[in-house]
C-alpha atoms as a PDB file:
ATOM      1  CA  MET A   1     -49.540  96.561  11.373  1.00  0.00           C
ATOM      2  CA  ARG A   2     -48.316  95.968   8.049  1.00  0.00           C
ATOM      3  CA  VAL A   3     -46.405  98.833   7.556  1.00  0.00           C
ATOM      4  CA  SER A   4     -43.917  99.744  10.745  1.00  0.00           C
ATOM      5  CA  ALA A   5     -44.434 103.472  12.121  1.00  0.00           C
ATOM      6  CA  LYS A   6     -40.947 104.893  12.511  1.00  0.00           C
ATOM      7  CA  PRO A   7     -39.495 106.241  15.994  1.00  0.00           C
ATOM      8  CA  ILE A   8     -41.126 109.139  17.362  1.00  0.00           C
ATOM      9  CA  SER A   9     -37.579 111.153  17.243  1.00  0.00           C
ATOM     10  CA  SER A  10     -38.122 110.687  13.616  1.00  0.00           C
ATOM     11  CA  TYR A  11     -40.898 113.078  12.607  1.00  0.00           C
ATOM     12  CA  PRO A  12     -40.404 116.900  12.139  1.00  0.00           C
ATOM     13  CA  LEU A  13     -41.687 118.233  15.531  1.00  0.00           C
ATOM     14  CA  TYR A  14     -45.025 119.622  14.608  1.00  0.00           C
ATOM     15  CA  LEU A  15     -46.452 116.610  14.092  1.00  0.00           C
ATOM     16  CA  ARG A  16     -44.571 115.210  17.816  1.00  0.00           C
ATOM     17  CA  LEU A  17     -46.289 118.423  19.167  1.00  0.00           C
ATOM     18  CA  PHE A  18     -49.229 116.704  17.651  1.00  0.00           C
ATOM     19  CA  PHE A  19     -48.701 113.140  18.997  1.00  0.00           C
ATOM     20  CA  TRP A  20     -48.347 115.059  22.255  1.00  0.00           C
ATOM     21  CA  ASN A  21     -51.543 116.597  22.223  1.00  0.00           C
ATOM     22  CA  GLN A  22     -53.138 112.863  21.073  1.00  0.00           C
ATOM     23  CA  ARG A  23     -51.427 110.885  23.385  1.00  0.00           C
ATOM     24  CA  ARG A  24     -53.111 113.600  26.104  1.00  0.00           C
ATOM     25  CA  LYS A  25     -56.724 113.399  24.647  1.00  0.00           C
ATOM     26  CA  TYR A  26     -56.071 109.056  23.993  1.00  0.00           C
ATOM     27  CA  GLY A  27     -54.101 107.602  25.862  1.00  0.00           C
ATOM     28  CA  GLN A  28     -51.904 107.294  23.363  1.00  0.00           C
ATOM     29  CA  ILE A  29     -50.059 107.976  19.976  1.00  0.00           C
ATOM     30  CA  LEU A  30     -52.711 106.025  17.842  1.00  0.00           C
ATOM     31  CA  GLN A  31     -51.146 103.639  15.043  1.00  0.00           C
ATOM     32  CA  THR A  32     -53.308 105.530  12.017  1.00  0.00           C
ATOM     33  CA  ALA A  33     -50.955 109.131  12.356  1.00  0.00           C
ATOM     34  CA  LEU A  34     -47.669 107.447  12.970  1.00  0.00           C
ATOM     35  CA  LEU A  35     -48.652 105.950   9.498  1.00  0.00           C
ATOM     36  CA  TRP A  36     -50.564 108.463   8.310  1.00  0.00           C
ATOM     37  CA  ALA A  37     -47.314 110.919   9.664  1.00  0.00           C
ATOM     38  CA  ARG A  38     -44.669 109.219   7.599  1.00  0.00           C
ATOM     39  CA  SER A  39     -45.701 110.634   4.341  1.00  0.00           C
ATOM     40  CA  PRO A  40     -45.780 114.503   6.699  1.00  0.00           C
ATOM     41  CA  LYS A  41     -46.792 116.880   3.615  1.00  0.00           C
ATOM     42  CA  LEU A  42     -49.914 114.043   3.460  1.00  0.00           C
ATOM     43  CA  PHE A  43     -50.694 113.682   6.719  1.00  0.00           C
ATOM     44  CA  ILE A  44     -50.994 117.285   7.138  1.00  0.00           C
ATOM     45  CA  GLY A  45     -53.223 117.654   3.827  1.00  0.00           C
ATOM     46  CA  VAL A  46     -55.856 114.901   5.804  1.00  0.00           C
ATOM     47  CA  ALA A  47     -55.631 116.682   8.667  1.00  0.00           C
ATOM     48  CA  ILE A  48     -56.511 120.088   7.818  1.00  0.00           C
ATOM     49  CA  LEU A  49     -59.399 117.757   5.425  1.00  0.00           C
ATOM     50  CA  TYR A  50     -60.732 116.092   8.141  1.00  0.00           C
ATOM     51  CA  GLY A  51     -60.905 119.919  10.663  1.00  0.00           C
ATOM     52  CA  MET A  52     -63.047 120.854   7.906  1.00  0.00           C
ATOM     53  CA  ILE A  53     -65.409 118.124   7.337  1.00  0.00           C
ATOM     54  CA  ASP A  54     -65.579 117.384  11.228  1.00  0.00           C
ATOM     55  CA  ARG A  55     -66.296 121.389  12.026  1.00  0.00           C
ATOM     56  CA  ARG A  56     -68.784 122.804  14.398  1.00  0.00           C
ATOM     57  CA  SER A  57     -70.504 124.483  11.654  1.00  0.00           C
ATOM     58  CA  SER A  58     -71.335 121.618   9.242  1.00  0.00           C
ATOM     59  CA  PRO A  59     -74.324 120.727   8.126  1.00  0.00           C
ATOM     60  CA  ILE A  60     -74.400 117.364   9.234  1.00  0.00           C
ATOM     61  CA  ASP A  61     -75.257 117.182  13.027  1.00  0.00           C
ATOM     62  CA  PRO A  62     -72.422 115.160  15.410  1.00  0.00           C
ATOM     63  CA  PRO A  63     -74.589 112.786  16.482  1.00  0.00           C
ATOM     64  CA  LEU A  64     -75.273 111.443  12.228  1.00  0.00           C
ATOM     65  CA  ARG A  65     -71.437 112.646  11.266  1.00  0.00           C
ATOM     66  CA  SER A  66     -70.611 109.453  13.744  1.00  0.00           C
ATOM     67  CA  LEU A  67     -73.162 107.419  12.696  1.00  0.00           C
ATOM     68  CA  VAL A  68     -71.886 107.845   9.108  1.00  0.00           C
ATOM     69  CA  THR A  69     -68.018 107.282  10.208  1.00  0.00           C
ATOM     70  CA  VAL A  70     -69.267 103.917  11.633  1.00  0.00           C
ATOM     71  CA  ARG A  71     -71.408 102.189   9.544  1.00  0.00           C
ATOM     72  CA  VAL A  72     -68.932 103.270   6.711  1.00  0.00           C
ATOM     73  CA  SER A  73     -66.249 101.800   8.991  1.00  0.00           C
ATOM     74  CA  GLN A  74     -68.008  98.383   9.299  1.00  0.00           C
ATOM     75  CA  ILE A  75     -68.626  97.886   5.916  1.00  0.00           C
ATOM     76  CA  ASN A  76     -64.553  97.874   4.906  1.00  0.00           C
ATOM     77  CA  ASP A  77     -63.393  96.274   7.970  1.00  0.00           C
ATOM     78  CA  CYS A  78     -61.074  98.613   9.871  1.00  0.00           C
ATOM     79  CA  LEU A  79     -61.756  97.629  13.641  1.00  0.00           C
ATOM     80  CA  PHE A  80     -59.974 100.379  14.090  1.00  0.00           C
ATOM     81  CA  CYS A  81     -62.549 103.200  12.613  1.00  0.00           C
ATOM     82  CA  VAL A  82     -65.760 101.370  14.021  1.00  0.00           C
ATOM     83  CA  ASP A  83     -64.159 101.555  17.839  1.00  0.00           C
ATOM     84  CA  ILE A  84     -62.738 104.762  17.728  1.00  0.00           C
ATOM     85  CA  ASN A  85     -65.845 106.204  15.613  1.00  0.00           C
ATOM     86  CA  SER A  86     -68.029 104.221  18.129  1.00  0.00           C
ATOM     87  CA  ALA A  87     -66.603 105.142  21.524  1.00  0.00           C
ATOM     88  CA  THR A  88     -66.979 109.074  19.086  1.00  0.00           C
ATOM     89  CA  MET A  89     -71.010 108.324  19.109  1.00  0.00           C
ATOM     90  CA  LEU A  90     -71.001 108.010  22.537  1.00  0.00           C
ATOM     91  CA  LYS A  91     -69.430 111.253  23.995  1.00  0.00           C
ATOM     92  CA  ARG A  92     -71.297 112.901  20.850  1.00  0.00           C
ATOM     93  CA  GLY A  93     -74.813 110.949  22.801  1.00  0.00           C
ATOM     94  CA  VAL A  94     -76.178 108.870  19.882  1.00  0.00           C
ATOM     95  CA  SER A  95     -77.168 105.199  22.883  1.00  0.00           C
ATOM     96  CA  ILE A  96     -75.983 102.014  23.531  1.00  0.00           C
ATOM     97  CA  GLU A  97     -78.458 100.005  21.614  1.00  0.00           C
ATOM     98  CA  LYS A  98     -78.508 102.432  18.539  1.00  0.00           C
ATOM     99  CA  VAL A  99     -74.481 102.209  18.172  1.00  0.00           C
ATOM    100  CA  GLU A 100     -75.195  98.691  19.052  1.00  0.00           C
ATOM    101  CA  ALA A 101     -78.198  97.873  16.317  1.00  0.00           C
ATOM    102  CA  LEU A 102     -76.104 100.101  13.515  1.00  0.00           C
ATOM    103  CA  HIS A 103     -75.635  97.204  11.428  1.00  0.00           C
ATOM    104  CA  VAL A 104     -79.129  96.056  11.098  1.00  0.00           C
ATOM    105  CA  TRP A 105     -80.359  99.593  10.887  1.00  0.00           C
ATOM    106  CA  ARG A 106     -83.067  98.501   8.434  1.00  0.00           C
ATOM    107  CA  GLU A 107     -84.698  96.050  10.658  1.00  0.00           C
ATOM    108  CA  SER A 108     -84.065  98.213  13.094  1.00  0.00           C
ATOM    109  CA  ARG A 109     -87.038 100.488  15.164  1.00  0.00           C
ATOM    110  CA  LEU A 110     -84.233 102.973  16.507  1.00  0.00           C
ATOM    111  CA  PHE A 111     -83.641 104.473  13.272  1.00  0.00           C
ATOM    112  CA  ASP A 112     -85.764 107.937  12.054  1.00  0.00           C
ATOM    113  CA  LYS A 113     -86.129 108.559   8.459  1.00  0.00           C
ATOM    114  CA  ARG A 114     -83.529 111.581   8.135  1.00  0.00           C
ATOM    115  CA  GLU A 115     -81.087 108.596   9.617  1.00  0.00           C
ATOM    116  CA  ARG A 116     -82.457 105.722   7.074  1.00  0.00           C
ATOM    117  CA  ALA A 117     -81.647 108.137   4.422  1.00  0.00           C
ATOM    118  CA  VAL A 118     -78.246 109.034   5.550  1.00  0.00           C
ATOM    119  CA  LEU A 119     -77.815 105.797   6.290  1.00  0.00           C
ATOM    120  CA  GLU A 120     -79.232 103.972   2.393  1.00  0.00           C
ATOM    121  CA  TYR A 121     -76.882 107.110   0.635  1.00  0.00           C
ATOM    122  CA  THR A 122     -74.301 105.711   2.880  1.00  0.00           C
ATOM    123  CA  GLU A 123     -73.829 102.571   2.097  1.00  0.00           C
ATOM    124  CA  ALA A 124     -74.809 103.517  -1.562  1.00  0.00           C
ATOM    125  CA  MET A 125     -72.083 105.774  -2.047  1.00  0.00           C
ATOM    126  CA  THR A 126     -69.179 102.857   0.207  1.00  0.00           C
ATOM    127  CA  ILE A 127     -70.422  99.933  -1.509  1.00  0.00           C
ATOM    128  CA  SER A 128     -69.626  99.379  -5.175  1.00  0.00           C
ATOM    129  CA  ASP A 129     -71.976  98.030  -6.947  1.00  0.00           C
ATOM    130  CA  GLN A 130     -74.522 100.110  -5.461  1.00  0.00           C
ATOM    131  CA  ARG A 131     -75.327 103.502  -6.804  1.00  0.00           C
ATOM    132  CA  ILE A 132     -76.975 106.284  -5.510  1.00  0.00           C
ATOM    133  CA  ASN A 133     -80.655 107.832  -7.619  1.00  0.00           C
ATOM    134  CA  ASP A 134     -82.401 110.028  -7.526  1.00  0.00           C
ATOM    135  CA  ALA A 135     -84.921 108.825  -5.457  1.00  0.00           C
ATOM    136  CA  MET A 136     -82.668 108.478  -2.728  1.00  0.00           C
ATOM    137  CA  LEU A 137     -81.314 112.093  -3.449  1.00  0.00           C
ATOM    138  CA  GLU A 138     -84.440 113.289  -3.062  1.00  0.00           C
ATOM    139  CA  ARG A 139     -85.379 111.166   0.347  1.00  0.00           C
ATOM    140  CA  LEU A 140     -82.180 112.972   1.805  1.00  0.00           C
ATOM    141  CA  ARG A 141     -83.610 116.183   0.161  1.00  0.00           C
ATOM    142  CA  ALA A 142     -86.255 116.377   2.506  1.00  0.00           C
ATOM    143  CA  TYR A 143     -83.532 117.098   5.173  1.00  0.00           C
ATOM    144  CA  PHE A 144     -80.207 118.843   4.063  1.00  0.00           C
ATOM    145  CA  ASP A 145     -80.353 121.061   0.973  1.00  0.00           C
ATOM    146  CA  ASP A 146     -77.253 121.021  -1.833  1.00  0.00           C
ATOM    147  CA  ASP A 147     -74.737 122.282  -0.025  1.00  0.00           C
ATOM    148  CA  GLY A 148     -75.820 119.380   3.623  1.00  0.00           C
ATOM    149  CA  ILE A 149     -75.618 117.104   0.321  1.00  0.00           C
ATOM    150  CA  VAL A 150     -71.981 117.612  -0.422  1.00  0.00           C
ATOM    151  CA  GLU A 151     -71.284 118.348   2.544  1.00  0.00           C
ATOM    152  CA  LEU A 152     -72.403 114.636   3.519  1.00  0.00           C
ATOM    153  CA  SER A 153     -70.769 113.093   0.737  1.00  0.00           C
ATOM    154  CA  GLY A 154     -67.400 114.431   1.476  1.00  0.00           C
ATOM    155  CA  LEU A 155     -67.551 113.016   4.879  1.00  0.00           C
ATOM    156  CA  ILE A 156     -68.136 109.716   3.380  1.00  0.00           C
ATOM    157  CA  GLY A 157     -66.097 109.906   0.574  1.00  0.00           C
ATOM    158  CA  PHE A 158     -63.493 110.471   3.613  1.00  0.00           C
ATOM    159  CA  GLN A 159     -64.294 108.434   5.576  1.00  0.00           C
ATOM    160  CA  ASN A 160     -64.193 105.430   2.818  1.00  0.00           C
ATOM    161  CA  MET A 161     -60.537 106.555   2.658  1.00  0.00           C
ATOM    162  CA  SER A 162     -59.559 106.646   5.927  1.00  0.00           C
ATOM    163  CA  SER A 163     -60.370 103.403   7.023  1.00  0.00           C
ATOM    164  CA  LYS A 164     -59.805 101.198   3.199  1.00  0.00           C
ATOM    165  CA  PHE A 165     -56.300 102.916   3.926  1.00  0.00           C
ATOM    166  CA  ASN A 166     -56.444 101.545   7.808  1.00  0.00           C
ATOM    167  CA  SER A 167     -57.299  98.566   6.753  1.00  0.00           C
ATOM    168  CA  ALA A 168     -55.461  97.971   3.994  1.00  0.00           C
ATOM    169  CA  LEU A 169     -52.491  98.085   6.168  1.00  0.00           C
ATOM    170  CA  ALA A 170     -54.183  96.308   9.497  1.00  0.00           C
ATOM    171  CA  VAL A 171     -54.015  98.884  11.536  1.00  0.00           C
ATOM    172  CA  PRO A 172     -55.649  97.171  14.456  1.00  0.00           C
ATOM    173  CA  SER A 173     -58.125  97.927  17.276  1.00  0.00           C
END
């Protein structure tokens, strides 16, 4: 990593409780959490934002959210994000074949029209020389209302921030 984590004992107690829970869930404290926690207020803001994006009542269902987060992570070359989000995608019931084909989704028959519309939008938001156009939004509107499109855009934006943060600081997979 390009920035080192501080000793666990130097973080505030409320963050150490978060780390304890993370160790229970993943078997270890994730390096990205230790980096975000170097700035406790930033950490809390990111954690709250993530919680709002990944909530049960989101109009974007969990398997589709995972397709988005993995695709953004692939584009931004965040190996940590690809690993953790692919594992989450499998837990959410997405087939291993679909996980393996995600980087070539345009050529694959595994993805339905809704997923294709979302992945097209995801790439247009993530790849800097691409742009969103009206036809793309119309394809999304076949599956989402305006609130859903806002949620989808927020998810893509958040994952871009997260994967670029991890990639820039060379968080290991």
